[in-house]
Amino acid sequence: MRAAMTRIRFKGAAVAAASVAMAVVLTACGGDGGSGDKPESKPNESSASSGQESEKPAPDEVDESQVLASVKGTDGVEVVVNSATRESGGFVTIKGTVTNNSDQAFSADGWQGGEQELVNNHASVAGASLVDQQGKKRYLILRDTDGKCLCTRFVGGIAAGAKAPFFAQFPAPPADTTEVDFQIPTMPTATIKISG
């Protein structure tokens, strides 16, 4: 009987220790390296003003005064990349806008990519990637522990004639890589310069 009680206490202690360890790991994964620039620091006000809601807000407002690249899809959708910034936490943040120039709502079909973990991101840029031609590497979008991309999600799609801001975060390529290809499934490739 005593041996059984000792085993139960030991199992309880092991479960408690595992829970504490998991909490520490999850807390460590949620950090941004102390840069103070948190992806969810500010609501996406521009999106709400155009009648669109984003599930995840952009880290900052999109500065549309600078255009790094602009690509147009066959369905009347235009993606403009306004910035690609290397962050101190070891990642790159891409910001821009998506304009729906068609006469129908745009639901970003296929933009979440084919990867099983990302399929549940629905109307988003979850399938986007950065390609470092110099280093011959592809960088997939960052995601949280639930498989949600660190990117804008266009809840309800983008209405005909509307524009919505977006952001997407990727692991940073080496510091000497300053130019990458930004790719969204179904859209042409956009070559952009990384600043910072």
C-alpha atoms as a PDB file:
ATOM      1  CA  MET A   1       0.000   0.000   0.000  1.00  0.00           C
ATOM      2  CA  ARG A   2       2.819   2.352   0.883  1.00  0.00           C
ATOM      3  CA  ALA A   3       4.545   1.710  -2.439  1.00  0.00           C
ATOM      4  CA  ALA A   4       1.323   2.535  -4.302  1.00  0.00           C
ATOM      5  CA  MET A   5       0.933   5.842  -2.396  1.00  0.00           C
ATOM      6  CA  THR A   6       4.557   6.742  -3.104  1.00  0.00           C
ATOM      7  CA  ARG A   7       3.998   6.071  -6.824  1.00  0.00           C
ATOM      8  CA  ILE A   8       0.892   8.269  -6.835  1.00  0.00           C
ATOM      9  CA  ARG A   9       2.753  11.112  -5.102  1.00  0.00           C
ATOM     10  CA  PHE A  10       5.676  10.719  -7.488  1.00  0.00           C
ATOM     11  CA  LYS A  11       3.370  10.802 -10.535  1.00  0.00           C
ATOM     12  CA  GLY A  12       1.614  13.897  -9.151  1.00  0.00           C
ATOM     13  CA  ALA A  13       4.955  15.635  -8.636  1.00  0.00           C
ATOM     14  CA  ALA A  14       6.073  14.669 -12.139  1.00  0.00           C
ATOM     15  CA  VAL A  15       2.878  16.082 -13.650  1.00  0.00           C
ATOM     16  CA  ALA A  16       3.296  19.321 -11.678  1.00  0.00           C
ATOM     17  CA  ALA A  17       6.940  19.642 -12.751  1.00  0.00           C
ATOM     18  CA  ALA A  18       6.026  19.011 -16.386  1.00  0.00           C
ATOM     19  CA  SER A  19       3.285  21.661 -16.194  1.00  0.00           C
ATOM     20  CA  VAL A  20       5.710  24.244 -14.805  1.00  0.00           C
ATOM     21  CA  ALA A  21       8.295  23.378 -17.470  1.00  0.00           C
ATOM     22  CA  MET A  22       5.691  23.711 -20.233  1.00  0.00           C
ATOM     23  CA  ALA A  23       4.577  27.105 -18.887  1.00  0.00           C
ATOM     24  CA  VAL A  24       8.192  28.328 -18.903  1.00  0.00           C
ATOM     25  CA  VAL A  25       8.733  27.073 -22.470  1.00  0.00           C
ATOM     26  CA  LEU A  26       5.536  28.700 -23.729  1.00  0.00           C
ATOM     27  CA  THR A  27       6.410  31.974 -22.024  1.00  0.00           C
ATOM     28  CA  ALA A  28       9.880  31.911 -23.583  1.00  0.00           C
ATOM     29  CA  CYS A  29       8.431  31.226 -27.044  1.00  0.00           C
ATOM     30  CA  GLY A  30       6.068  34.161 -26.762  1.00  0.00           C
ATOM     31  CA  GLY A  31       8.832  36.727 -26.319  1.00  0.00           C
ATOM     32  CA  ASP A  32      10.326  38.922 -29.004  1.00  0.00           C
ATOM     33  CA  GLY A  33      13.864  39.108 -27.736  1.00  0.00           C
ATOM     34  CA  GLY A  34      13.134  42.179 -25.619  1.00  0.00           C
ATOM     35  CA  SER A  35      12.860  44.575 -28.546  1.00  0.00           C
ATOM     36  CA  GLY A  36       9.682  46.141 -27.188  1.00  0.00           C
ATOM     37  CA  ASP A  37       8.073  45.914 -30.651  1.00  0.00           C
ATOM     38  CA  LYS A  38       5.222  43.497 -30.049  1.00  0.00           C
ATOM     39  CA  PRO A  39       3.237  42.307 -33.055  1.00  0.00           C
ATOM     40  CA  GLU A  40      -0.076  42.752 -31.268  1.00  0.00           C
ATOM     41  CA  SER A  41       0.675  46.121 -29.667  1.00  0.00           C
ATOM     42  CA  LYS A  42      -1.850  48.227 -31.540  1.00  0.00           C
ATOM     43  CA  PRO A  43      -5.283  47.663 -33.079  1.00  0.00           C
ATOM     44  CA  ASN A  44      -5.481  47.819 -36.818  1.00  0.00           C
ATOM     45  CA  GLU A  45      -7.480  51.066 -37.100  1.00  0.00           C
ATOM     46  CA  SER A  46      -7.059  51.424 -40.878  1.00  0.00           C
ATOM     47  CA  SER A  47      -8.660  48.059 -41.420  1.00  0.00           C
ATOM     48  CA  ALA A  48     -11.721  48.945 -39.356  1.00  0.00           C
ATOM     49  CA  SER A  49     -12.178  52.250 -41.179  1.00  0.00           C
ATOM     50  CA  SER A  50     -12.390  50.490 -44.543  1.00  0.00           C
ATOM     51  CA  GLY A  51     -15.042  48.136 -43.232  1.00  0.00           C
ATOM     52  CA  GLN A  52     -12.605  45.275 -42.746  1.00  0.00           C
ATOM     53  CA  GLU A  53     -11.690  43.587 -39.502  1.00  0.00           C
ATOM     54  CA  SER A  54      -8.402  41.823 -38.942  1.00  0.00           C
ATOM     55  CA  GLU A  55      -8.089  39.113 -36.322  1.00  0.00           C
ATOM     56  CA  LYS A  56      -4.490  40.080 -35.606  1.00  0.00           C
ATOM     57  CA  PRO A  57      -3.548  43.760 -35.633  1.00  0.00           C
ATOM     58  CA  ALA A  58      -0.503  44.999 -37.494  1.00  0.00           C
ATOM     59  CA  PRO A  59       2.480  45.953 -35.318  1.00  0.00           C
ATOM     60  CA  ASP A  60       2.249  49.575 -36.511  1.00  0.00           C
ATOM     61  CA  GLU A  61       0.403  51.603 -39.089  1.00  0.00           C
ATOM     62  CA  VAL A  62       1.428  51.020 -42.699  1.00  0.00           C
ATOM     63  CA  ASP A  63       3.359  53.970 -44.127  1.00  0.00           C
ATOM     64  CA  GLU A  64       2.142  54.046 -47.727  1.00  0.00           C
ATOM     65  CA  SER A  65       4.529  56.851 -48.775  1.00  0.00           C
ATOM     66  CA  GLN A  66       7.241  54.341 -49.760  1.00  0.00           C
ATOM     67  CA  VAL A  67       6.540  51.485 -52.182  1.00  0.00           C
ATOM     68  CA  LEU A  68       9.077  48.653 -52.327  1.00  0.00           C
ATOM     69  CA  ALA A  69       7.040  46.541 -54.747  1.00  0.00           C
ATOM     70  CA  SER A  70       3.600  46.223 -56.270  1.00  0.00           C
ATOM     71  CA  VAL A  71       2.138  43.087 -57.866  1.00  0.00           C
ATOM     72  CA  LYS A  72      -1.250  42.458 -59.446  1.00  0.00           C
ATOM     73  CA  GLY A  73      -3.065  39.142 -59.529  1.00  0.00           C
ATOM     74  CA  THR A  74      -5.358  37.911 -62.272  1.00  0.00           C
ATOM     75  CA  ASP A  75      -8.410  38.423 -60.046  1.00  0.00           C
ATOM     76  CA  GLY A  76      -8.083  42.219 -59.743  1.00  0.00           C
ATOM     77  CA  VAL A  77      -6.196  42.115 -56.445  1.00  0.00           C
ATOM     78  CA  GLU A  78      -3.106  44.278 -55.965  1.00  0.00           C
ATOM     79  CA  VAL A  79      -0.529  43.736 -53.229  1.00  0.00           C
ATOM     80  CA  VAL A  80       1.740  46.667 -52.370  1.00  0.00           C
ATOM     81  CA  VAL A  81       4.725  46.137 -50.064  1.00  0.00           C
ATOM     82  CA  ASN A  82       5.590  49.348 -48.227  1.00  0.00           C
ATOM     83  CA  SER A  83       8.270  48.136 -45.818  1.00  0.00           C
ATOM     84  CA  ALA A  84      10.477  45.169 -44.982  1.00  0.00           C
ATOM     85  CA  THR A  85      12.202  45.785 -41.667  1.00  0.00           C
ATOM     86  CA  ARG A  86      14.797  43.624 -39.925  1.00  0.00           C
ATOM     87  CA  GLU A  87      13.840  43.531 -36.228  1.00  0.00           C
ATOM     88  CA  SER A  88      16.208  43.016 -33.302  1.00  0.00           C
ATOM     89  CA  GLY A  89      14.369  39.829 -32.264  1.00  0.00           C
ATOM     90  CA  GLY A  90      15.751  37.949 -35.289  1.00  0.00           C
ATOM     91  CA  PHE A  91      12.795  38.385 -37.613  1.00  0.00           C
ATOM     92  CA  VAL A  92      11.690  40.497 -40.580  1.00  0.00           C
ATOM     93  CA  THR A  93       8.341  42.302 -40.640  1.00  0.00           C
ATOM     94  CA  ILE A  94       6.733  42.936 -44.027  1.00  0.00           C
ATOM     95  CA  LYS A  95       3.980  45.590 -44.157  1.00  0.00           C
ATOM     96  CA  GLY A  96       1.794  46.722 -46.991  1.00  0.00           C
ATOM     97  CA  THR A  97      -1.715  46.837 -48.376  1.00  0.00           C
ATOM     98  CA  VAL A  98      -4.037  44.580 -50.329  1.00  0.00           C
ATOM     99  CA  THR A  99      -6.485  46.340 -52.670  1.00  0.00           C
ATOM    100  CA  ASN A 100      -9.448  44.512 -54.153  1.00  0.00           C
ATOM    101  CA  ASN A 101     -10.034  46.176 -57.533  1.00  0.00           C
ATOM    102  CA  SER A 102     -12.643  43.609 -58.565  1.00  0.00           C
ATOM    103  CA  ASP A 103     -16.417  43.841 -58.272  1.00  0.00           C
ATOM    104  CA  GLN A 104     -16.608  40.881 -55.837  1.00  0.00           C
ATOM    105  CA  ALA A 105     -15.461  40.295 -52.269  1.00  0.00           C
ATOM    106  CA  PHE A 106     -11.961  38.807 -52.075  1.00  0.00           C
ATOM    107  CA  SER A 107     -11.499  35.908 -49.638  1.00  0.00           C
ATOM    108  CA  ALA A 108      -7.767  35.260 -50.230  1.00  0.00           C
ATOM    109  CA  ASP A 109      -8.416  31.698 -51.431  1.00  0.00           C
ATOM    110  CA  GLY A 110      -5.150  29.799 -51.533  1.00  0.00           C
ATOM    111  CA  TRP A 111      -3.160  32.519 -49.767  1.00  0.00           C
ATOM    112  CA  GLN A 112      -2.978  30.459 -46.574  1.00  0.00           C
ATOM    113  CA  GLY A 113      -0.835  27.932 -48.452  1.00  0.00           C
ATOM    114  CA  GLY A 114      -1.034  24.166 -48.603  1.00  0.00           C
ATOM    115  CA  GLU A 115       0.752  23.346 -45.367  1.00  0.00           C
ATOM    116  CA  GLN A 116      -1.676  21.480 -43.079  1.00  0.00           C
ATOM    117  CA  GLU A 117      -0.831  23.587 -40.015  1.00  0.00           C
ATOM    118  CA  LEU A 118      -1.586  26.829 -41.888  1.00  0.00           C
ATOM    119  CA  VAL A 119      -4.848  25.808 -43.572  1.00  0.00           C
ATOM    120  CA  ASN A 120      -6.848  26.974 -40.535  1.00  0.00           C
ATOM    121  CA  ASN A 121      -5.608  30.550 -40.992  1.00  0.00           C
ATOM    122  CA  HIS A 122      -8.299  31.033 -43.674  1.00  0.00           C
ATOM    123  CA  ALA A 123      -8.292  34.504 -45.311  1.00  0.00           C
ATOM    124  CA  SER A 124      -4.722  35.553 -44.557  1.00  0.00           C
ATOM    125  CA  VAL A 125      -1.221  35.737 -46.015  1.00  0.00           C
ATOM    126  CA  ALA A 126      -0.189  32.628 -44.016  1.00  0.00           C
ATOM    127  CA  GLY A 127       1.204  30.916 -47.115  1.00  0.00           C
ATOM    128  CA  ALA A 128       3.605  33.771 -47.876  1.00  0.00           C
ATOM    129  CA  SER A 129       7.350  33.167 -47.904  1.00  0.00           C
ATOM    130  CA  LEU A 130      10.623  35.024 -48.338  1.00  0.00           C
ATOM    131  CA  VAL A 131      13.223  33.601 -50.698  1.00  0.00           C
ATOM    132  CA  ASP A 132      16.876  34.507 -50.243  1.00  0.00           C
ATOM    133  CA  GLN A 133      18.286  33.918 -53.732  1.00  0.00           C
ATOM    134  CA  GLN A 134      21.834  34.657 -52.554  1.00  0.00           C
ATOM    135  CA  GLY A 135      21.723  32.167 -49.665  1.00  0.00           C
ATOM    136  CA  LYS A 136      19.436  29.778 -51.554  1.00  0.00           C
ATOM    137  CA  LYS A 137      16.930  29.536 -48.681  1.00  0.00           C
ATOM    138  CA  ARG A 138      13.165  29.906 -48.314  1.00  0.00           C
ATOM    139  CA  TYR A 139      11.793  31.394 -45.098  1.00  0.00           C
ATOM    140  CA  LEU A 140       8.249  30.436 -44.128  1.00  0.00           C
ATOM    141  CA  ILE A 141       5.982  32.708 -42.141  1.00  0.00           C
ATOM    142  CA  LEU A 142       6.363  32.615 -38.366  1.00  0.00           C
ATOM    143  CA  ARG A 143       3.529  31.083 -36.354  1.00  0.00           C
ATOM    144  CA  ASP A 144       2.475  30.722 -32.746  1.00  0.00           C
ATOM    145  CA  THR A 145       2.129  27.463 -30.816  1.00  0.00           C
ATOM    146  CA  ASP A 146      -1.440  27.016 -32.112  1.00  0.00           C
ATOM    147  CA  GLY A 147      -0.324  27.196 -35.758  1.00  0.00           C
ATOM    148  CA  LYS A 148      -1.714  30.705 -36.285  1.00  0.00           C
ATOM    149  CA  CYS A 149       0.495  32.792 -38.546  1.00  0.00           C
ATOM    150  CA  LEU A 150       2.128  35.965 -37.282  1.00  0.00           C
ATOM    151  CA  CYS A 151       0.297  37.865 -39.970  1.00  0.00           C
ATOM    152  CA  THR A 152      -2.885  39.758 -40.708  1.00  0.00           C
ATOM    153  CA  ARG A 153      -6.035  37.733 -41.077  1.00  0.00           C
ATOM    154  CA  PHE A 154      -8.741  39.288 -43.256  1.00  0.00           C
ATOM    155  CA  VAL A 155     -11.839  38.288 -41.295  1.00  0.00           C
ATOM    156  CA  GLY A 156     -14.780  38.323 -43.701  1.00  0.00           C
ATOM    157  CA  GLY A 157     -12.496  38.923 -46.699  1.00  0.00           C
ATOM    158  CA  ILE A 158     -11.899  42.252 -48.451  1.00  0.00           C
ATOM    159  CA  ALA A 159     -14.932  43.973 -49.974  1.00  0.00           C
ATOM    160  CA  ALA A 160     -14.988  44.980 -53.647  1.00  0.00           C
ATOM    161  CA  GLY A 161     -13.102  48.262 -54.100  1.00  0.00           C
ATOM    162  CA  ALA A 162     -11.676  48.168 -50.550  1.00  0.00           C
ATOM    163  CA  LYS A 163      -8.085  48.318 -49.327  1.00  0.00           C
ATOM    164  CA  ALA A 164      -6.776  46.553 -46.215  1.00  0.00           C
ATOM    165  CA  PRO A 165      -3.363  46.781 -44.515  1.00  0.00           C
ATOM    166  CA  PHE A 166      -1.380  43.615 -43.841  1.00  0.00           C
ATOM    167  CA  PHE A 167       1.719  42.499 -42.017  1.00  0.00           C
ATOM    168  CA  ALA A 168       3.660  39.240 -42.043  1.00  0.00           C
ATOM    169  CA  GLN A 169       6.663  38.152 -39.982  1.00  0.00           C
ATOM    170  CA  PHE A 170       9.435  35.788 -41.050  1.00  0.00           C
ATOM    171  CA  PRO A 171      12.739  34.533 -39.625  1.00  0.00           C
ATOM    172  CA  ALA A 172      15.441  37.009 -40.636  1.00  0.00           C
ATOM    173  CA  PRO A 173      17.909  35.956 -43.320  1.00  0.00           C
ATOM    174  CA  PRO A 174      21.621  36.607 -42.622  1.00  0.00           C
ATOM    175  CA  ALA A 175      22.551  40.264 -42.053  1.00  0.00           C
ATOM    176  CA  ASP A 176      24.377  40.510 -45.395  1.00  0.00           C
ATOM    177  CA  THR A 177      21.177  39.555 -47.263  1.00  0.00           C
ATOM    178  CA  THR A 178      19.429  42.809 -48.117  1.00  0.00           C
ATOM    179  CA  GLU A 179      17.205  41.695 -51.000  1.00  0.00           C
ATOM    180  CA  VAL A 180      14.622  38.892 -50.964  1.00  0.00           C
ATOM    181  CA  ASP A 181      11.683  37.681 -53.026  1.00  0.00           C
ATOM    182  CA  PHE A 182       8.317  38.028 -51.269  1.00  0.00           C
ATOM    183  CA  GLN A 183       5.927  35.357 -52.481  1.00  0.00           C
ATOM    184  CA  ILE A 184       2.201  34.923 -51.820  1.00  0.00           C
ATOM    185  CA  PRO A 185       0.502  31.893 -53.393  1.00  0.00           C
ATOM    186  CA  THR A 186      -1.428  32.804 -56.595  1.00  0.00           C
ATOM    187  CA  MET A 187       0.404  36.168 -56.896  1.00  0.00           C
ATOM    188  CA  PRO A 188       3.511  37.164 -58.880  1.00  0.00           C
ATOM    189  CA  THR A 189       6.795  37.382 -56.964  1.00  0.00           C
ATOM    190  CA  ALA A 190       7.841  40.780 -55.575  1.00  0.00           C
ATOM    191  CA  THR A 191      11.552  41.492 -55.070  1.00  0.00           C
ATOM    192  CA  ILE A 192      12.027  43.754 -52.039  1.00  0.00           C
ATOM    193  CA  LYS A 193      14.869  45.326 -50.076  1.00  0.00           C
ATOM    194  CA  ILE A 194      15.171  44.735 -46.327  1.00  0.00           C
ATOM    195  CA  SER A 195      16.016  47.734 -44.157  1.00  0.00           C
ATOM    196  CA  GLY A 196      17.343  47.805 -40.620  1.00  0.00           C
END
